Amino acid sequence: MSEQSSSALGSLRSVADGASLHYIGTIVINLAGFLLTLVLTRTLGATIYGIYAYGTMVLQSVLTVANFGTDVSATRYLSANRDDTAYQNRILGLAYATTLGVSLAVAILLFVTAPTINAYTLDQPLFTPAMQVFAIALPFQALTYVVSSTFRGLEMAVGKTVVAVVGPVLQLLFVVIAVAIGYSVLGVAAAYATACLVAFSVVFWYVLKRTTLRPEFDFSRREALDFYDYSAPLTLSEAGNFLFKRIDVFMVGIFLAAADVGIYNVAVLLATVLAMPLVGINQLFPPVASRLHSKGAIDELESVYATVTRWSITASVILALPVVIYRTEVLALFGSEFVAGTTVVILFVAGQLFNAAAGPANDLLTMTNHQYLVMVNHLVFGGLNVVLNYIFILEFGLVGAALATASVLAVLNVLRVAQVWYLEGLFAYTAALWKPLAAASLAAVVMWFAGLYVDGLLLVAVGSVAGVVVYLASLYRLGLNERDRELAGEYLDIMG
């Protein structure tokens, strides 16, 4: 094996480790979230649970700007300066100081404006004090993001996963205790905020134990300016990201009935499953990309980029098949009225497939010093999504919202791929992609034929399992890529 090939395999191993552990963490996080929702809906009722859910949604929305892009910036600078521990410590100090200051300001603003938010949204007496309690949690959640970015920048997948899991598990524990004592939404909000405080304390202690880095605050003015030059556009980028990823839900709530919001949310939830492979890959691809780009290892970077993009497509296609083919049966599990969202599911799956096919193109732009371009992309397409949602919802209703958002997502991802190719000369697509597409076609036929013999939930279970088996067998028969075989061989040796 050549030195370059060995180096590329090492980079891919880092990304694969991050993705594998991310999936384990995702299972734990989703299970904790499911149990938390189950406890709250069964004990508090729909209205009180709605206050809790809306409050946490507002909190997560402002969290995207509360850390001023410091989490991504820290990831980049920690990864690109591994040989300069003193500089890494100053970057960490800058990240913590910035996050604390900005998140406190946003939390105070959220606390003060809670009555106004309530007046224009839920108009529930309990929402205002609950939102004010949730605001207290904001700085601790934002600081936890910096801890996570530390592990991410150092390519420590285990640490990144631990940080991701601690918060949801503690939230479940504290909220269950609050409900068991007999508290309603205010007590639950206080339990949530307390869990965020404890979670940050735990993960901050953990990062100090697992790494030698320590935040130092003697950073220079030049270092701060460089840091903010990178992080500031990321904040605006996140605002634009919110516009093209979440604004449709808000606009459905404004222009359509509450039942439509429920149908739309379930459809979006099903399609979001397709994002899991790419999200997993993106856990450690950015620092790998930053490191390779800073070293000038462009050929290796292109090799890693092409490989992980193929992984994203291969994993997402098989997830898309049962969601589309069995969309009616799956939606019926939530109630007969949700079957009206079948077209919405198809549109969102199409949009998510474009997202998967683009691979980590967006993160690659960010890690190769094109953060301002990423910001412009998000703001322009975010604004376009608002306009299209307004026009299409009034014209086509629920389907219009999905059509607008899916179209924006598809075009944006095509543009990202073109920008990476034009600006960096990196192209991710090879003839090897015909293999997962051919295997997916065979799996789709098997899944469709299963519907001739069984139906309902049994069809979803049997058809999905049969389709996955055929898909994996077809990929094996068509032949695995050499890099994939080498990586798989290493993992099989470890497990053996």
Protein backbone atom coordinates (compact mmCIF):
# COMPACT_ATOMS: atom_id res chain seq x y z
CA MET A 1 0.00 0.00 0.00
CA SER A 2 1.43 3.42 -0.97
CA GLU A 3 2.07 6.12 1.65
CA GLN A 4 -0.70 8.31 0.19
CA SER A 5 -3.14 5.38 0.12
CA SER A 6 -2.29 4.54 3.73
CA SER A 7 -2.78 8.16 4.77
CA ALA A 8 -6.13 8.35 2.97
CA LEU A 9 -7.24 5.15 4.68
CA GLY A 10 -6.30 6.67 8.04
CA SER A 11 -8.40 9.74 7.28
CA LEU A 12 -11.32 7.56 6.22
CA ARG A 13 -10.91 5.50 9.39
CA SER A 14 -11.28 8.67 11.44
CA VAL A 15 -14.48 9.61 9.60
CA ALA A 16 -15.83 6.05 9.86
CA ASP A 17 -15.14 5.92 13.60
CA GLY A 18 -17.02 9.17 14.06
CA ALA A 19 -19.96 7.99 11.97
CA SER A 20 -20.20 4.57 13.67
CA LEU A 21 -20.15 6.01 17.18
CA HIS A 22 -22.56 8.74 16.11
CA TYR A 23 -25.13 6.10 15.15
CA ILE A 24 -24.77 4.45 18.56
CA GLY A 25 -25.22 7.82 20.20
CA THR A 26 -28.19 8.59 17.97
CA ILE A 27 -29.97 5.43 19.11
CA VAL A 28 -29.50 6.42 22.77
CA ILE A 29 -30.55 10.02 22.11
CA ASN A 30 -33.65 9.01 20.15
CA LEU A 31 -34.65 6.48 22.81
CA ALA A 32 -34.27 9.09 25.56
CA GLY A 33 -36.29 11.57 23.50
CA PHE A 34 -39.03 9.03 22.85
CA LEU A 35 -39.32 8.11 26.53
CA LEU A 36 -39.32 11.78 27.54
CA THR A 37 -42.15 12.55 25.12
CA LEU A 38 -44.07 9.49 26.28
CA VAL A 39 -43.80 10.52 29.94
CA LEU A 40 -44.84 14.11 29.29
CA THR A 41 -47.77 13.39 26.98
CA ARG A 42 -49.21 10.73 29.28
CA THR A 43 -48.89 12.77 32.48
CA LEU A 44 -49.34 16.40 31.42
CA GLY A 45 -51.79 16.12 28.52
CA ALA A 46 -51.64 17.59 25.03
CA THR A 47 -52.00 21.29 25.92
CA ILE A 48 -49.36 21.39 28.67
CA TYR A 49 -47.04 19.21 26.62
CA GLY A 50 -47.52 21.64 23.72
CA ILE A 51 -46.25 24.48 25.93
CA TYR A 52 -43.16 22.43 26.81
CA ALA A 53 -42.53 21.40 23.20
CA TYR A 54 -42.93 24.92 21.83
CA GLY A 55 -40.64 26.35 24.52
CA THR A 56 -37.87 23.88 23.76
CA MET A 57 -38.33 24.52 20.03
CA VAL A 58 -37.83 28.27 20.54
CA LEU A 59 -34.78 27.49 22.67
CA GLN A 60 -33.21 25.29 20.00
CA SER A 61 -33.92 27.93 17.35
CA VAL A 62 -32.04 30.72 19.17
CA LEU A 63 -29.29 28.29 20.17
CA THR A 64 -28.08 28.35 16.56
CA VAL A 65 -26.92 31.95 17.00
CA ALA A 66 -26.22 31.96 20.75
CA ASN A 67 -22.68 30.60 20.37
CA PHE A 68 -21.77 32.97 17.51
CA GLY A 69 -20.41 30.16 15.36
CA THR A 70 -17.70 29.36 17.89
CA ASP A 71 -18.34 25.62 17.86
CA VAL A 72 -17.48 25.24 14.17
CA SER A 73 -14.63 27.75 14.44
CA ALA A 74 -13.10 25.85 17.36
CA THR A 75 -13.35 22.61 15.40
CA ARG A 76 -11.49 24.15 12.48
CA TYR A 77 -8.68 25.86 14.38
CA LEU A 78 -8.08 22.99 16.81
CA SER A 79 -7.80 20.52 13.95
CA ALA A 80 -5.57 22.70 11.77
CA ASN A 81 -3.11 23.54 14.60
CA ARG A 82 -2.46 20.21 16.28
CA ASP A 83 1.23 20.95 16.78
CA ASP A 84 0.65 24.23 18.61
CA THR A 85 -0.95 23.45 21.98
CA ALA A 86 -0.57 27.00 23.28
CA TYR A 87 -2.50 28.35 20.29
CA GLN A 88 -5.18 25.68 20.75
CA ASN A 89 -5.61 26.72 24.39
CA ARG A 90 -6.05 30.36 23.38
CA ILE A 91 -8.62 29.37 20.76
CA LEU A 92 -10.53 27.42 23.39
CA GLY A 93 -10.45 30.40 25.75
CA LEU A 94 -11.74 32.64 22.97
CA ALA A 95 -14.51 30.16 22.14
CA TYR A 96 -15.66 29.83 25.75
CA ALA A 97 -15.53 33.59 26.43
CA THR A 98 -17.43 34.44 23.25
CA THR A 99 -20.04 31.77 23.78
CA LEU A 100 -20.64 32.78 27.38
CA GLY A 101 -21.03 36.46 26.52
CA VAL A 102 -23.28 36.04 23.48
CA SER A 103 -25.44 33.30 25.00
CA LEU A 104 -26.03 35.33 28.16
CA ALA A 105 -27.13 38.30 26.05
CA VAL A 106 -29.48 36.13 23.98
CA ALA A 107 -30.85 34.45 27.13
CA ILE A 108 -31.64 37.82 28.71
CA LEU A 109 -33.33 38.96 25.49
CA LEU A 110 -35.36 35.74 25.40
CA PHE A 111 -36.34 36.17 29.05
CA VAL A 112 -37.52 39.75 28.49
CA THR A 113 -39.39 39.05 25.24
CA ALA A 114 -41.13 35.88 26.46
CA PRO A 115 -44.48 37.72 26.99
CA THR A 116 -44.32 39.10 23.43
CA ILE A 117 -43.52 35.68 21.97
CA ASN A 118 -46.47 34.25 23.86
CA ALA A 119 -48.82 36.99 22.63
CA TYR A 120 -48.01 36.29 18.98
CA THR A 121 -47.94 32.48 19.23
CA LEU A 122 -49.55 30.18 21.79
CA ASP A 123 -51.22 32.84 23.96
CA GLN A 124 -51.13 30.52 26.98
CA PRO A 125 -50.66 31.96 30.52
CA LEU A 126 -48.13 29.28 31.47
CA PHE A 127 -45.97 29.76 28.40
CA THR A 128 -44.38 33.05 29.50
CA PRO A 129 -42.92 31.83 32.82
CA ALA A 130 -41.99 28.49 31.24
CA MET A 131 -40.13 30.24 28.41
CA GLN A 132 -38.30 32.40 30.94
CA VAL A 133 -37.15 29.29 32.80
CA PHE A 134 -36.05 27.68 29.52
CA ALA A 135 -33.99 30.81 28.79
CA ILE A 136 -31.84 30.03 31.83
CA ALA A 137 -30.75 26.78 30.14
CA LEU A 138 -29.46 28.55 27.01
CA PRO A 139 -25.90 29.46 28.13
CA PHE A 140 -25.25 25.96 29.45
CA GLN A 141 -26.39 24.34 26.21
CA ALA A 142 -24.28 26.76 24.16
CA LEU A 143 -21.18 26.07 26.28
CA THR A 144 -21.77 22.33 25.90
CA TYR A 145 -21.46 22.84 22.13
CA VAL A 146 -17.93 24.18 22.68
CA VAL A 147 -17.00 21.06 24.64
CA SER A 148 -18.38 18.94 21.81
CA SER A 149 -16.39 20.92 19.23
CA THR A 150 -13.21 20.30 21.25
CA PHE A 151 -13.56 16.55 20.87
CA ARG A 152 -14.63 16.99 17.26
CA GLY A 153 -11.61 19.15 16.42
CA LEU A 154 -9.28 16.61 18.02
CA GLU A 155 -11.07 13.81 16.12
CA MET A 156 -11.96 12.01 19.37
CA ALA A 157 -15.15 10.21 18.34
CA VAL A 158 -15.81 8.60 21.74
CA GLY A 159 -15.67 11.94 23.54
CA LYS A 160 -17.94 13.55 20.95
CA THR A 161 -20.50 10.78 21.41
CA VAL A 162 -20.37 10.95 25.22
CA VAL A 163 -21.05 14.70 25.13
CA ALA A 164 -23.98 14.19 22.74
CA VAL A 165 -25.58 11.52 24.95
CA VAL A 166 -25.16 13.06 28.42
CA GLY A 167 -27.59 15.96 27.89
CA PRO A 168 -30.64 13.99 26.63
CA VAL A 169 -30.17 11.25 29.25
CA LEU A 170 -29.98 13.76 32.12
CA GLN A 171 -32.97 15.67 30.74
CA LEU A 172 -34.98 12.44 30.77
CA LEU A 173 -33.88 11.63 34.33
CA PHE A 174 -34.55 15.08 35.78
CA VAL A 175 -37.88 15.55 34.01
CA VAL A 176 -39.13 12.11 35.10
CA ILE A 177 -38.25 12.99 38.70
CA ALA A 178 -40.11 16.31 38.39
CA VAL A 179 -43.20 14.62 36.98
CA ALA A 180 -43.07 11.88 39.62
CA ILE A 181 -43.04 14.53 42.35
CA GLY A 182 -46.10 16.10 40.77
CA TYR A 183 -44.76 19.20 39.06
CA SER A 184 -46.45 20.61 35.96
CA VAL A 185 -44.87 22.52 33.07
CA LEU A 186 -42.99 25.08 35.21
CA GLY A 187 -41.41 22.34 37.31
CA VAL A 188 -40.59 20.39 34.17
CA ALA A 189 -38.97 23.48 32.61
CA ALA A 190 -36.91 23.95 35.78
CA ALA A 191 -35.87 20.29 35.65
CA TYR A 192 -34.83 20.74 32.01
CA ALA A 193 -32.74 23.81 32.85
CA THR A 194 -31.13 22.04 35.81
CA ALA A 195 -30.30 19.06 33.60
CA CYS A 196 -28.55 21.40 31.13
CA LEU A 197 -26.48 22.89 33.98
CA VAL A 198 -25.49 19.47 35.30
CA ALA A 199 -24.78 18.18 31.77
CA PHE A 200 -22.36 21.03 31.06
CA SER A 201 -20.63 20.48 34.41
CA VAL A 202 -20.20 16.77 33.66
CA VAL A 203 -18.93 17.15 30.09
CA PHE A 204 -16.59 20.04 31.01
CA TRP A 205 -15.04 17.85 33.71
CA TYR A 206 -14.87 15.02 31.16
CA VAL A 207 -13.05 17.07 28.52
CA LEU A 208 -10.51 18.22 31.12
CA LYS A 209 -9.89 14.58 32.07
CA ARG A 210 -9.63 13.29 28.49
CA THR A 211 -7.49 16.04 26.93
CA THR A 212 -4.50 18.15 27.88
CA LEU A 213 -6.01 21.35 26.50
CA ARG A 214 -7.00 24.11 28.93
CA PRO A 215 -8.80 27.34 27.98
CA GLU A 216 -6.48 30.34 28.17
CA PHE A 217 -7.67 33.90 27.77
CA ASP A 218 -4.46 35.71 26.77
CA PHE A 219 -5.33 35.59 23.06
CA SER A 220 -4.14 38.45 20.88
CA ARG A 221 -6.31 40.96 19.07
CA ARG A 222 -5.17 39.48 15.74
CA GLU A 223 -6.20 35.98 16.82
CA ALA A 224 -9.59 37.25 17.95
CA LEU A 225 -10.17 39.10 14.67
CA ASP A 226 -9.24 36.02 12.63
CA PHE A 227 -11.52 33.88 14.80
CA TYR A 228 -14.48 36.24 14.47
CA ASP A 229 -13.87 36.69 10.77
CA TYR A 230 -14.56 32.98 10.51
CA SER A 231 -17.32 32.64 13.13
CA ALA A 232 -19.41 35.74 12.33
CA PRO A 233 -20.53 34.60 8.87
CA LEU A 234 -21.26 31.17 10.32
CA THR A 235 -23.81 32.82 12.64
CA LEU A 236 -25.58 34.46 9.71
CA SER A 237 -25.24 31.19 7.83
CA GLU A 238 -27.04 29.37 10.65
CA ALA A 239 -29.81 31.96 10.52
CA GLY A 240 -30.20 31.30 6.80
CA ASN A 241 -29.99 27.57 7.46
CA PHE A 242 -32.94 27.94 9.81
CA LEU A 243 -34.92 29.74 7.10
CA PHE A 244 -34.63 26.93 4.56
CA LYS A 245 -34.88 24.06 7.05
CA ARG A 246 -37.49 25.14 9.60
CA ILE A 247 -39.41 28.14 8.29
CA ASP A 248 -41.84 25.92 6.39
CA VAL A 249 -43.16 24.47 9.67
CA PHE A 250 -43.82 27.95 11.04
CA MET A 251 -45.53 29.07 7.84
CA VAL A 252 -47.75 25.99 7.72
CA GLY A 253 -48.85 26.93 11.21
CA ILE A 254 -49.59 30.50 10.12
CA PHE A 255 -51.55 29.79 6.94
CA LEU A 256 -53.06 26.33 7.51
CA ALA A 257 -54.94 24.49 10.25
CA ALA A 258 -53.39 22.83 13.30
CA ALA A 259 -54.16 19.39 11.86
CA ASP A 260 -52.07 20.26 8.81
CA VAL A 261 -49.13 21.11 11.06
CA GLY A 262 -49.36 17.66 12.66
CA ILE A 263 -49.52 15.87 9.31
CA TYR A 264 -46.62 17.93 7.98
CA ASN A 265 -44.45 17.30 11.03
CA VAL A 266 -44.90 13.53 10.85
CA ALA A 267 -44.05 13.52 7.14
CA VAL A 268 -40.93 15.60 7.77
CA LEU A 269 -39.95 13.27 10.62
CA LEU A 270 -40.07 10.23 8.33
CA ALA A 271 -37.98 11.89 5.64
CA THR A 272 -35.42 13.17 8.14
CA VAL A 273 -34.30 9.57 8.75
CA LEU A 274 -32.45 9.84 5.44
CA ALA A 275 -30.19 12.52 6.88
CA MET A 276 -28.68 10.15 9.48
CA PRO A 277 -25.83 8.76 7.31
CA LEU A 278 -24.61 12.21 6.24
CA VAL A 279 -24.94 13.62 9.76
CA GLY A 280 -22.86 10.70 11.02
CA ILE A 281 -20.19 11.27 8.37
CA ASN A 282 -20.10 14.97 9.17
CA GLN A 283 -19.21 14.29 12.80
CA LEU A 284 -15.53 13.96 11.95
CA PHE A 285 -15.21 14.84 8.24
CA PRO A 286 -14.80 18.62 8.84
CA PRO A 287 -11.67 18.36 11.01
CA VAL A 288 -10.22 15.77 8.63
CA ALA A 289 -10.90 18.10 5.70
CA SER A 290 -9.41 21.06 7.56
CA ARG A 291 -6.26 19.12 8.43
CA LEU A 292 -5.73 17.82 4.88
CA HIS A 293 -6.43 21.21 3.31
CA SER A 294 -4.02 23.01 5.65
CA LYS A 295 -1.32 20.44 4.76
CA GLY A 296 -1.96 20.87 1.05
CA ALA A 297 -2.86 17.17 0.68
CA ILE A 298 -5.42 17.90 -2.04
CA ASP A 299 -5.34 14.49 -3.73
CA GLU A 300 -5.96 12.74 -0.43
CA LEU A 301 -8.73 15.21 0.41
CA GLU A 302 -10.46 14.50 -2.90
CA SER A 303 -10.15 10.75 -2.31
CA VAL A 304 -11.71 11.02 1.16
CA TYR A 305 -14.41 13.39 -0.14
CA ALA A 306 -15.36 10.98 -2.93
CA THR A 307 -15.41 7.97 -0.62
CA VAL A 308 -17.57 9.47 2.11
CA THR A 309 -19.96 10.89 -0.49
CA ARG A 310 -20.37 7.38 -1.88
CA TRP A 311 -21.02 6.14 1.66
CA SER A 312 -23.66 8.82 2.12
CA ILE A 313 -25.45 7.85 -1.07
CA THR A 314 -25.17 4.10 -0.40
CA ALA A 315 -26.68 4.35 3.09
CA SER A 316 -29.35 6.93 2.26
CA VAL A 317 -30.79 5.15 -0.77
CA ILE A 318 -31.72 2.03 1.17
CA LEU A 319 -33.30 4.14 3.93
CA ALA A 320 -35.36 5.99 1.33
CA LEU A 321 -36.89 2.89 -0.24
CA PRO A 322 -39.13 1.67 2.62
CA VAL A 323 -40.11 5.25 3.52
CA VAL A 324 -41.38 5.85 -0.02
CA ILE A 325 -42.74 2.41 -0.90
CA TYR A 326 -44.50 1.89 2.44
CA ARG A 327 -45.33 5.54 3.13
CA THR A 328 -49.08 4.88 3.39
CA GLU A 329 -48.66 2.01 5.85
CA VAL A 330 -46.15 3.95 7.98
CA LEU A 331 -48.26 7.11 8.09
CA ALA A 332 -51.32 5.06 9.05
CA LEU A 333 -49.50 4.03 12.24
CA PHE A 334 -49.95 7.60 13.46
CA GLY A 335 -53.65 7.66 12.57
CA SER A 336 -55.77 7.55 9.42
CA GLU A 337 -55.70 11.35 9.04
CA PHE A 338 -51.92 11.32 8.61
CA VAL A 339 -52.19 9.34 5.36
CA ALA A 340 -52.90 12.70 3.71
CA GLY A 341 -49.17 13.38 3.99
CA THR A 342 -48.06 10.75 1.47
CA THR A 343 -47.17 13.30 -1.22
CA VAL A 344 -45.32 15.40 1.34
CA VAL A 345 -43.22 12.35 2.25
CA ILE A 346 -42.27 11.74 -1.40
CA LEU A 347 -41.22 15.36 -1.91
CA PHE A 348 -39.15 15.50 1.26
CA VAL A 349 -37.45 12.18 0.50
CA ALA A 350 -36.48 13.57 -2.91
CA GLY A 351 -35.02 16.66 -1.26
CA GLN A 352 -33.11 14.59 1.30
CA LEU A 353 -31.68 12.37 -1.45
CA PHE A 354 -30.20 15.45 -3.12
CA ASN A 355 -28.75 16.36 0.27
CA ALA A 356 -27.24 12.89 0.66
CA ALA A 357 -25.89 12.91 -2.89
CA ALA A 358 -24.05 16.17 -2.25
CA GLY A 359 -22.21 14.50 0.62
CA PRO A 360 -20.23 16.80 2.93
CA ALA A 361 -19.92 19.52 0.24
CA ASN A 362 -21.22 22.23 2.56
CA ASP A 363 -18.75 21.37 5.34
CA LEU A 364 -15.98 21.13 2.76
CA LEU A 365 -16.70 24.70 1.65
CA THR A 366 -16.62 25.84 5.28
CA MET A 367 -13.34 24.07 6.05
CA THR A 368 -11.59 25.43 2.93
CA ASN A 369 -12.07 29.11 3.88
CA HIS A 370 -15.27 29.73 1.94
CA GLN A 371 -17.40 30.48 4.99
CA TYR A 372 -18.69 33.73 3.48
CA LEU A 373 -19.93 31.85 0.44
CA VAL A 374 -21.69 29.36 2.73
CA MET A 375 -23.30 32.30 4.51
CA VAL A 376 -24.52 33.79 1.21
CA ASN A 377 -25.83 30.39 0.10
CA HIS A 378 -27.89 29.98 3.25
CA LEU A 379 -29.22 33.52 3.34
CA VAL A 380 -30.17 33.61 -0.34
CA PHE A 381 -31.80 30.19 -0.37
CA GLY A 382 -33.36 30.80 3.04
CA GLY A 383 -35.01 33.94 1.69
CA LEU A 384 -36.05 32.09 -1.45
CA ASN A 385 -37.64 29.39 0.69
CA VAL A 386 -39.72 31.98 2.56
CA VAL A 387 -40.99 33.46 -0.72
CA LEU A 388 -41.72 30.08 -2.33
CA ASN A 389 -43.45 28.78 0.79
CA TYR A 390 -45.71 31.82 0.87
CA ILE A 391 -46.65 31.43 -2.81
CA PHE A 392 -46.94 27.63 -2.88
CA ILE A 393 -48.83 27.26 0.42
CA LEU A 394 -51.48 29.71 -0.72
CA GLU A 395 -51.69 27.91 -4.07
CA PHE A 396 -51.24 24.23 -3.18
CA GLY A 397 -51.68 24.04 0.59
CA LEU A 398 -49.72 21.41 2.50
CA VAL A 399 -48.07 19.97 -0.61
CA GLY A 400 -46.97 23.46 -1.59
CA ALA A 401 -44.87 23.84 1.56
CA ALA A 402 -43.11 20.54 0.89
CA LEU A 403 -42.61 21.37 -2.79
CA ALA A 404 -41.04 24.73 -1.93
CA THR A 405 -38.66 23.43 0.72
CA ALA A 406 -37.66 20.26 -1.16
CA SER A 407 -36.97 22.26 -4.34
CA VAL A 408 -34.80 24.76 -2.47
CA LEU A 409 -32.88 21.93 -0.77
CA ALA A 410 -32.27 20.16 -4.09
CA VAL A 411 -31.05 23.22 -6.00
CA LEU A 412 -28.87 24.37 -3.10
CA ASN A 413 -27.09 21.02 -2.92
CA VAL A 414 -26.44 20.95 -6.66
CA LEU A 415 -24.94 24.43 -6.31
CA ARG A 416 -22.74 23.35 -3.38
CA VAL A 417 -21.25 20.49 -5.40
CA ALA A 418 -20.57 22.86 -8.31
CA GLN A 419 -18.93 25.39 -5.99
CA VAL A 420 -16.60 22.77 -4.47
CA TRP A 421 -15.60 21.65 -7.97
CA TYR A 422 -15.09 25.19 -9.29
CA LEU A 423 -13.31 26.69 -6.28
CA GLU A 424 -11.25 23.73 -5.04
CA GLY A 425 -11.13 21.43 -8.06
CA LEU A 426 -12.61 18.57 -6.02
CA PHE A 427 -15.14 16.18 -7.55
CA ALA A 428 -16.76 13.34 -5.64
CA TYR A 429 -18.49 11.26 -8.29
CA THR A 430 -17.13 8.20 -10.06
CA ALA A 431 -18.51 5.32 -12.07
CA ALA A 432 -18.56 3.23 -8.86
CA LEU A 433 -21.86 4.88 -7.91
CA TRP A 434 -23.74 2.62 -10.33
CA LYS A 435 -23.40 -0.24 -7.85
CA PRO A 436 -25.56 1.15 -5.00
CA LEU A 437 -28.07 2.46 -7.54
CA ALA A 438 -28.35 -0.95 -9.22
CA ALA A 439 -28.62 -2.71 -5.85
CA ALA A 440 -31.32 -0.24 -4.78
CA SER A 441 -33.32 -0.99 -7.92
CA LEU A 442 -33.33 -4.72 -7.12
CA ALA A 443 -34.28 -4.03 -3.50
CA ALA A 444 -37.15 -1.79 -4.61
CA VAL A 445 -38.58 -4.58 -6.76
CA VAL A 446 -38.44 -7.01 -3.82
CA MET A 447 -40.11 -4.50 -1.50
CA TRP A 448 -42.87 -3.85 -4.01
CA PHE A 449 -43.53 -7.56 -4.57
CA ALA A 450 -43.81 -8.12 -0.81
CA GLY A 451 -46.96 -6.00 -0.93
CA LEU A 452 -48.66 -8.68 -3.02
CA TYR A 453 -48.54 -11.16 -0.12
CA VAL A 454 -48.75 -9.19 3.15
CA ASP A 455 -50.03 -5.79 4.21
CA GLY A 456 -50.08 -3.31 7.09
CA LEU A 457 -47.34 -3.30 9.71
CA LEU A 458 -46.27 -6.82 8.73
CA LEU A 459 -45.57 -5.56 5.21
CA VAL A 460 -43.38 -2.76 6.53
CA ALA A 461 -41.38 -5.20 8.68
CA VAL A 462 -41.07 -8.08 6.20
CA GLY A 463 -40.62 -5.92 3.12
CA SER A 464 -37.99 -3.70 4.71
CA VAL A 465 -35.92 -6.63 6.00
CA ALA A 466 -36.14 -8.43 2.64
CA GLY A 467 -35.17 -5.26 0.79
CA VAL A 468 -32.15 -4.60 3.01
CA VAL A 469 -30.95 -8.20 2.65
CA VAL A 470 -31.23 -8.03 -1.15
CA TYR A 471 -29.52 -4.64 -1.18
CA LEU A 472 -26.54 -5.77 0.89
CA ALA A 473 -26.23 -9.05 -1.01
CA SER A 474 -26.33 -7.19 -4.33
CA LEU A 475 -23.62 -4.78 -3.21
CA TYR A 476 -21.46 -7.72 -2.17
CA ARG A 477 -21.99 -9.53 -5.47
CA LEU A 478 -21.28 -6.39 -7.48
CA GLY A 479 -18.01 -6.00 -5.60
CA LEU A 480 -16.96 -3.68 -2.81
CA ASN A 481 -14.64 -0.77 -3.46
CA GLU A 482 -11.01 -1.48 -2.52
CA ARG A 483 -10.97 1.21 0.17
CA ASP A 484 -14.23 -0.09 1.61
CA ARG A 485 -12.82 -3.64 1.72
CA GLU A 486 -9.69 -2.48 3.53
CA LEU A 487 -11.69 -0.51 6.06
CA ALA A 488 -14.23 -3.31 6.55
CA GLY A 489 -11.40 -5.79 7.00
CA GLU A 490 -9.90 -3.71 9.78
CA TYR A 491 -13.21 -3.50 11.62
CA LEU A 492 -13.86 -7.23 11.22
CA ASP A 493 -10.39 -7.97 12.61
CA ILE A 494 -11.11 -5.72 15.59
CA MET A 495 -14.49 -7.36 16.26
CA GLY A 496 -13.02 -10.82 15.79
